[in-house]
C-alpha atoms as a PDB file:
ATOM      1  CA  MET A   1       0.000   0.000   0.000  1.00  0.00           C
ATOM      2  CA  ALA A   2       1.618   3.245  -1.143  1.00  0.00           C
ATOM      3  CA  THR A   3       1.615   6.320   1.053  1.00  0.00           C
ATOM      4  CA  GLU A   4      -0.113   9.303  -0.523  1.00  0.00           C
ATOM      5  CA  THR A   5       1.354  12.744   0.012  1.00  0.00           C
ATOM      6  CA  ALA A   6      -0.542  16.011   0.089  1.00  0.00           C
ATOM      7  CA  THR A   7       0.936  18.493  -2.374  1.00  0.00           C
ATOM      8  CA  PHE A   8      -1.938  20.827  -3.223  1.00  0.00           C
ATOM      9  CA  GLU A   9      -3.300  18.339  -5.750  1.00  0.00           C
ATOM     10  CA  ASN A  10      -6.968  18.849  -4.897  1.00  0.00           C
ATOM     11  CA  VAL A  11      -9.370  21.299  -3.306  1.00  0.00           C
ATOM     12  CA  TYR A  12      -9.114  19.541   0.078  1.00  0.00           C
ATOM     13  CA  ASP A  13      -5.399  20.280   0.264  1.00  0.00           C
ATOM     14  CA  TYR A  14      -6.187  23.968  -0.166  1.00  0.00           C
ATOM     15  CA  LEU A  15      -8.916  23.763   2.465  1.00  0.00           C
ATOM     16  CA  GLY A  16      -6.447  22.127   4.879  1.00  0.00           C
ATOM     17  CA  PHE A  17      -3.908  24.873   4.213  1.00  0.00           C
ATOM     18  CA  ILE A  18      -6.465  27.675   4.647  1.00  0.00           C
ATOM     19  CA  GLY A  19      -7.868  26.109   7.835  1.00  0.00           C
ATOM     20  CA  GLY A  20      -4.383  25.701   9.303  1.00  0.00           C
ATOM     21  CA  LEU A  21      -3.473  29.244   8.316  1.00  0.00           C
ATOM     22  CA  LEU A  22      -6.596  30.600  10.032  1.00  0.00           C
ATOM     23  CA  PHE A  23      -5.672  28.710  13.219  1.00  0.00           C
ATOM     24  CA  ALA A  24      -2.176  30.191  13.131  1.00  0.00           C
ATOM     25  CA  VAL A  25      -3.302  33.732  12.284  1.00  0.00           C
ATOM     26  CA  GLY A  26      -5.758  33.503  15.191  1.00  0.00           C
ATOM     27  CA  PHE A  27      -2.799  33.908  17.568  1.00  0.00           C
ATOM     28  CA  ILE A  28      -1.811  37.291  16.157  1.00  0.00           C
ATOM     29  CA  PRO A  29      -4.531  39.356  17.940  1.00  0.00           C
ATOM     30  CA  GLN A  30      -3.685  37.685  21.257  1.00  0.00           C
ATOM     31  CA  LEU A  31       0.028  38.294  20.817  1.00  0.00           C
ATOM     32  CA  TYR A  32      -0.673  41.913  19.812  1.00  0.00           C
ATOM     33  CA  LYS A  33      -2.777  42.432  22.944  1.00  0.00           C
ATOM     34  CA  GLN A  34      -0.044  40.920  25.124  1.00  0.00           C
ATOM     35  CA  VAL A  35       2.555  43.283  23.691  1.00  0.00           C
ATOM     36  CA  LYS A  36       0.286  46.355  23.687  1.00  0.00           C
ATOM     37  CA  THR A  37      -0.898  45.957  27.294  1.00  0.00           C
ATOM     38  CA  MET A  38       2.369  44.389  28.508  1.00  0.00           C
ATOM     39  CA  SER A  39       0.215  41.958  30.464  1.00  0.00           C
ATOM     40  CA  SER A  40      -0.086  38.194  30.128  1.00  0.00           C
ATOM     41  CA  ARG A  41      -1.450  37.526  33.582  1.00  0.00           C
ATOM     42  CA  ASP A  42      -4.591  35.774  32.307  1.00  0.00           C
ATOM     43  CA  ILE A  43      -2.715  33.399  29.999  1.00  0.00           C
ATOM     44  CA  SER A  44      -1.827  30.097  31.613  1.00  0.00           C
ATOM     45  CA  MET A  45       1.766  28.913  31.197  1.00  0.00           C
ATOM     46  CA  PRO A  46       0.718  25.225  31.529  1.00  0.00           C
ATOM     47  CA  TRP A  47      -1.735  25.777  28.655  1.00  0.00           C
ATOM     48  CA  LEU A  48       0.999  27.353  26.524  1.00  0.00           C
ATOM     49  CA  MET A  49       3.381  24.457  27.247  1.00  0.00           C
ATOM     50  CA  ALA A  50       0.667  21.865  26.493  1.00  0.00           C
ATOM     51  CA  TYR A  51       0.021  23.662  23.207  1.00  0.00           C
ATOM     52  CA  VAL A  52       3.717  23.544  22.306  1.00  0.00           C
ATOM     53  CA  LEU A  53       3.802  19.820  23.093  1.00  0.00           C
ATOM     54  CA  ALA A  54       0.682  19.194  21.010  1.00  0.00           C
ATOM     55  CA  LEU A  55       2.084  21.159  18.060  1.00  0.00           C
ATOM     56  CA  SER A  56       5.383  19.274  18.307  1.00  0.00           C
ATOM     57  CA  VAL A  57       3.682  15.880  18.182  1.00  0.00           C
ATOM     58  CA  TYR A  58       1.372  17.106  15.434  1.00  0.00           C
ATOM     59  CA  GLY A  59       4.376  18.375  13.450  1.00  0.00           C
ATOM     60  CA  ILE A  60       6.049  14.977  13.619  1.00  0.00           C
ATOM     61  CA  TYR A  61       2.855  13.371  12.333  1.00  0.00           C
ATOM     62  CA  LEU A  62       2.600  15.904   9.484  1.00  0.00           C
ATOM     63  CA  ILE A  63       6.213  15.360   8.439  1.00  0.00           C
ATOM     64  CA  ARG A  64       5.939  11.562   8.653  1.00  0.00           C
ATOM     65  CA  ASN A  65       2.857  11.586   6.441  1.00  0.00           C
ATOM     66  CA  LYS A  66       4.215  14.310   4.160  1.00  0.00           C
ATOM     67  CA  LEU A  67       1.236  16.601   4.742  1.00  0.00           C
ATOM     68  CA  TRP A  68       3.056  19.687   3.508  1.00  0.00           C
ATOM     69  CA  PRO A  69       0.014  21.950   2.987  1.00  0.00           C
ATOM     70  CA  ILE A  70      -0.803  21.692   6.687  1.00  0.00           C
ATOM     71  CA  LEU A  71       2.779  21.707   7.947  1.00  0.00           C
ATOM     72  CA  GLY A  72       3.435  25.314   6.859  1.00  0.00           C
ATOM     73  CA  PRO A  73       0.623  26.836   8.929  1.00  0.00           C
ATOM     74  CA  ALA A  74       1.494  24.530  11.834  1.00  0.00           C
ATOM     75  CA  CYS A  75       5.059  25.895  11.774  1.00  0.00           C
ATOM     76  CA  LEU A  76       3.726  29.471  11.782  1.00  0.00           C
ATOM     77  CA  GLU A  77       1.498  28.590  14.732  1.00  0.00           C
ATOM     78  CA  PHE A  78       4.514  27.080  16.520  1.00  0.00           C
ATOM     79  CA  VAL A  79       6.505  30.308  16.048  1.00  0.00           C
ATOM     80  CA  LEU A  80       3.606  32.465  17.257  1.00  0.00           C
ATOM     81  CA  ILE A  81       2.990  30.335  20.358  1.00  0.00           C
ATOM     82  CA  TRP A  82       6.679  30.588  21.273  1.00  0.00           C
ATOM     83  CA  ALA A  83       6.495  34.359  20.779  1.00  0.00           C
ATOM     84  CA  SER A  84       3.530  34.393  23.157  1.00  0.00           C
ATOM     85  CA  ILE A  85       5.520  32.384  25.713  1.00  0.00           C
ATOM     86  CA  ILE A  86       8.457  34.789  25.487  1.00  0.00           C
ATOM     87  CA  VAL A  87       6.178  37.826  25.901  1.00  0.00           C
ATOM     88  CA  LYS A  88       4.495  36.140  28.871  1.00  0.00           C
ATOM     89  CA  ILE A  89       7.846  35.494  30.564  1.00  0.00           C
ATOM     90  CA  ILE A  90       8.953  39.100  29.998  1.00  0.00           C
ATOM     91  CA  THR A  91       5.680  40.694  31.130  1.00  0.00           C
ATOM     92  CA  ASP A  92       5.305  38.427  34.163  1.00  0.00           C
ATOM     93  CA  LYS A  93       8.868  39.269  35.216  1.00  0.00           C
ATOM     94  CA  ARG A  94       8.256  43.008  34.714  1.00  0.00           C
ATOM     95  CA  GLN A  95       5.018  42.880  36.710  1.00  0.00           C
ATOM     96  CA  GLU A  96       6.761  40.993  39.524  1.00  0.00           C
ATOM     97  CA  GLU A  97       9.530  43.624  39.597  1.00  0.00           C
ATOM     98  CA  ASP A  98       6.910  46.396  39.699  1.00  0.00           C
ATOM     99  CA  LYS A  99       5.104  44.603  42.517  1.00  0.00           C
ATOM    100  CA  THR A 100       8.360  44.307  44.472  1.00  0.00           C
ATOM    101  CA  ARG A 101       9.212  47.985  43.919  1.00  0.00           C
ATOM    102  CA  THR A 102       5.775  49.438  44.684  1.00  0.00           C
ATOM    103  CA  GLY A 103       4.538  46.903  47.219  1.00  0.00           C
ATOM    104  CA  HIS A 104       1.382  46.097  45.300  1.00  0.00           C
ATOM    105  CA  PRO A 105       0.504  44.348  42.054  1.00  0.00           C
ATOM    106  CA  VAL A 106       0.272  46.537  38.999  1.00  0.00           C
ATOM    107  CA  ALA A 107      -2.898  45.987  36.996  1.00  0.00           C
ATOM    108  CA  ASN A 108      -3.452  45.863  33.256  1.00  0.00           C
ATOM    109  CA  GLY A 109       0.177  46.245  32.287  1.00  0.00           C
ATOM    110  CA  VAL A 110       0.589  49.709  33.803  1.00  0.00           C
ATOM    111  CA  ASN A 111       4.146  49.800  35.012  1.00  0.00           C
ATOM    112  CA  ALA A 112       5.241  51.185  38.342  1.00  0.00           C
ATOM    113  CA  SER A 113       7.040  54.172  36.857  1.00  0.00           C
ATOM    114  CA  CYS A 114       3.725  55.410  35.423  1.00  0.00           C
ATOM    115  CA  LEU A 115       2.056  54.991  38.797  1.00  0.00           C
ATOM    116  CA  GLU A 116       4.909  56.792  40.553  1.00  0.00           C
ATOM    117  CA  SER A 117       4.766  59.660  38.040  1.00  0.00           C
ATOM    118  CA  ASN A 118       1.027  59.921  38.571  1.00  0.00           C
ATOM    119  CA  ARG A 119       1.470  60.015  42.358  1.00  0.00           C
ATOM    120  CA  THR A 120       4.163  62.689  42.032  1.00  0.00           C
ATOM    121  CA  LEU A 121       1.942  64.741  39.752  1.00  0.00           C
ATOM    122  CA  GLN A 122      -0.984  64.414  42.149  1.00  0.00           C
ATOM    123  CA  GLY A 123       1.319  65.373  45.021  1.00  0.00           C
ATOM    124  CA  ASP A 124       2.457  68.487  43.129  1.00  0.00           C
ATOM    125  CA  ARG A 125      -1.169  69.445  42.482  1.00  0.00           C
ATOM    126  CA  SER A 126      -2.095  69.052  46.127  1.00  0.00           C
ATOM    127  CA  ASN A 127       0.887  71.242  47.063  1.00  0.00           C
ATOM    128  CA  GLU A 128      -0.318  73.862  44.576  1.00  0.00           C
ATOM    129  CA  LYS A 129      -3.797  73.777  46.102  1.00  0.00           C
ATOM    130  CA  GLU A 130      -2.348  74.166  49.592  1.00  0.00           C
ATOM    131  CA  SER A 131      -0.229  77.168  48.547  1.00  0.00           C
ATOM    132  CA  GLU A 132      -3.217  78.739  46.746  1.00  0.00           C
ATOM    133  CA  ALA A 133      -5.365  78.287  49.860  1.00  0.00           C
ATOM    134  CA  HIS A 134      -2.578  79.754  52.003  1.00  0.00           C
ATOM    135  CA  SER A 135      -2.326  82.783  49.639  1.00  0.00           C
ATOM    136  CA  VAL A 136      -6.081  83.341  49.790  1.00  0.00           C
ATOM    137  CA  VAL A 137      -5.999  83.272  53.590  1.00  0.00           C
ATOM    138  CA  GLU A 138      -3.114  85.783  53.633  1.00  0.00           C
ATOM    139  CA  LEU A 139      -4.960  88.061  51.214  1.00  0.00           C
ATOM    140  CA  GLN A 140      -8.080  87.904  53.359  1.00  0.00           C
ATOM    141  CA  ARG A 141      -6.090  88.765  56.481  1.00  0.00           C
ATOM    142  CA  GLY A 142      -4.365  91.662  54.738  1.00  0.00           C
ATOM    143  CA  SER A 143      -7.589  93.117  53.370  1.00  0.00           C
ATOM    144  CA  LEU A 144      -9.451  93.032  56.692  1.00  0.00           C
END
């Protein structure tokens, strides 16, 4: 019994390629959100590792059976999942450093330096309000 290989010989090969490509491209919005928000807190590392394992086993199967139309998208998906893992490691480390520095967890990817700048700015505004109030009191005393 001869082994058949998939080489875009029929419409089903194209459907397999398109389906695999859609699966792989589906990771791009998630990866974009991870990078944009610098937060991966809600993404489970065990899930990511299980996905890598599944893709690895699947890749071996695709190579063994020479299913080239599906292997390309699977490789793209493998690259994107590893990119997601790397971003998760970086953002989790950054959030842990921010938590250590500020004493509380930082939500939604807002880093501690932004929070500290905001606190400083609010502190400056409260000082301005205090000095304005003090000036008003002095003016009232002087005009009486």
